Amino acid sequence: MQFIDQARIAIRAGRGGDGIAAFRREKYVPAGGPSGGDGGRGGDVVLRADSNLQTLLDFKYQRQFVAMDGRRGGPNKSTGASGETLLIRVPCGTEVRDARTGILLGDLTDAGEELPVAFGGRGGLGNAHYLSNRNRAPEKFTEGRDGEDWLLQLELKLLAEVGIIGLPNAGKSTLIAVLSAARPKIADYPFTTLVPNLGVVRRPSGDGTVFADIPGLIAGASQGAGLGHDFLRHIERTRLLVHLLDAGSPQVLEDYQTVERELEAYGHQLDQRPRLVVLNKIELLEPAELDALAQQLQQASGRSVLRISAAAAQGLESLLAAVWRELGIQSS
C-alpha cells in the first residue's frame, strides 16, 4: 500500500432547494390561497476519523467532493427533501486546514470523531410565506442558497507514543522489526526506509504501545534536504523519542549533533521532547572502545546512554524497561 500523508481536496456542500409559487384550486375548498412549499436544505460535508484507514491514498484518486442538493418545494405547503450529509472518511491523526489561509480547522485523532467542514445552503421560501392581509395572492418565492465550498489541506500525523529517530542506516527498521510484528524493508544501504513504519510493542500490562520508525534524517532535513523534512511531522505527537546511533560510525558524536540540530531547527518543541540515547550495533566494537564512546556520548548529550544490538537482540529488555519508565508504565 502506498503511503500518502498529504492531500488537497475541494469540497462543496449542497445547494438549498428553491421555493415555489402555487395556489390551491380544489373544487370544495372555498378559501384557497397560496400553498407553495419551501425548498429543502442542502447536504452538509463532514469528515469522520476511521481507524481502518492508515494513509490518505484515497484522496490521490478523488479530489472533489460534492454533497447532495436540497429538493425544491411542492404544492400544499410541502417542504422539499433535504440533501443527505456527505461523510468523508479520513485516517485517525488527520489535521484539516484551510488551504488558502493555512488556518487549522480541526484535528481528528479519535476513531469516530467528526468535523463538519461545509454547511449546506438554506432552502428557498415558497409563496405561502408571503401571505398577508394586504397581499392575499402573493406570487413571490425565493431560490435556495448555495452551499459552502472550501479547499482543504489534509495532513496525516501518525499516532505513535514512541518515535525512533536517527541518521540513515542507524538500524531503526531492524529495531522496530525485532520489537514488534512490523516488517519494514531492511537493507545494508542508506535510505532503505522511504515511509514511516508503525509497530505495536507489547507492554508489561499486556496492552500495546505504538512505535514509529521515522525515515532517516540528514543535515538540512528541517529545510527540506533528504527525506526527513516530509516525515518530521510524524514525531510531533510522540511522547518519547528514541535517538538511535550507529556505534560503527566513524563520527558518532557528529551524528548525534546532526540530528539534534535538525530537531531544534524544525521547531514544535521537538528538541524539548523526552528521549533516550541508544547506541546500536555494539557488536562492531571492542568493550573498551564501546565504554569510551558511551562516555563521550553521555558527556555530549547529558543523558545516560543505552547499548543494544538490534540485529543480535542484545540489550532490548533494558531499552524497553527505560521506555516504560519514561512513559510512566509500570514494568513487572
Foldseek 3Di string as FASTA:
>chain_A
DDAAFKAKAKEWWAWWAWWAWDWDDDPPPPQIFTFIAWWAWTAFEKEFAAQVDDHPVVCVVPRYYYWHYTHYTDGNHRYTHYTHHHYDYDHAQKWKAQPVPRHTQDGGHDHGDMGTDKTTWHIKGYCVVVDDPVPRHDRDIGHTGTIDMTIMMIGGADQAQEEEAFAFPLCLQLQLVLQFVWDQDDDRDGQSDQQKTWGWGAAQVRDTGIYIYQHGDFACLLVPPDRRVSHVSNCLNYQEYEYGFEPPDPCRVVRVVRVLVSLVSNDSCSNVHHYAYEYEPCVVDDPVSVVVVQVVNCVSPVHHYFYYYSVVGGRVVVVVVVVCVSVVHDHD
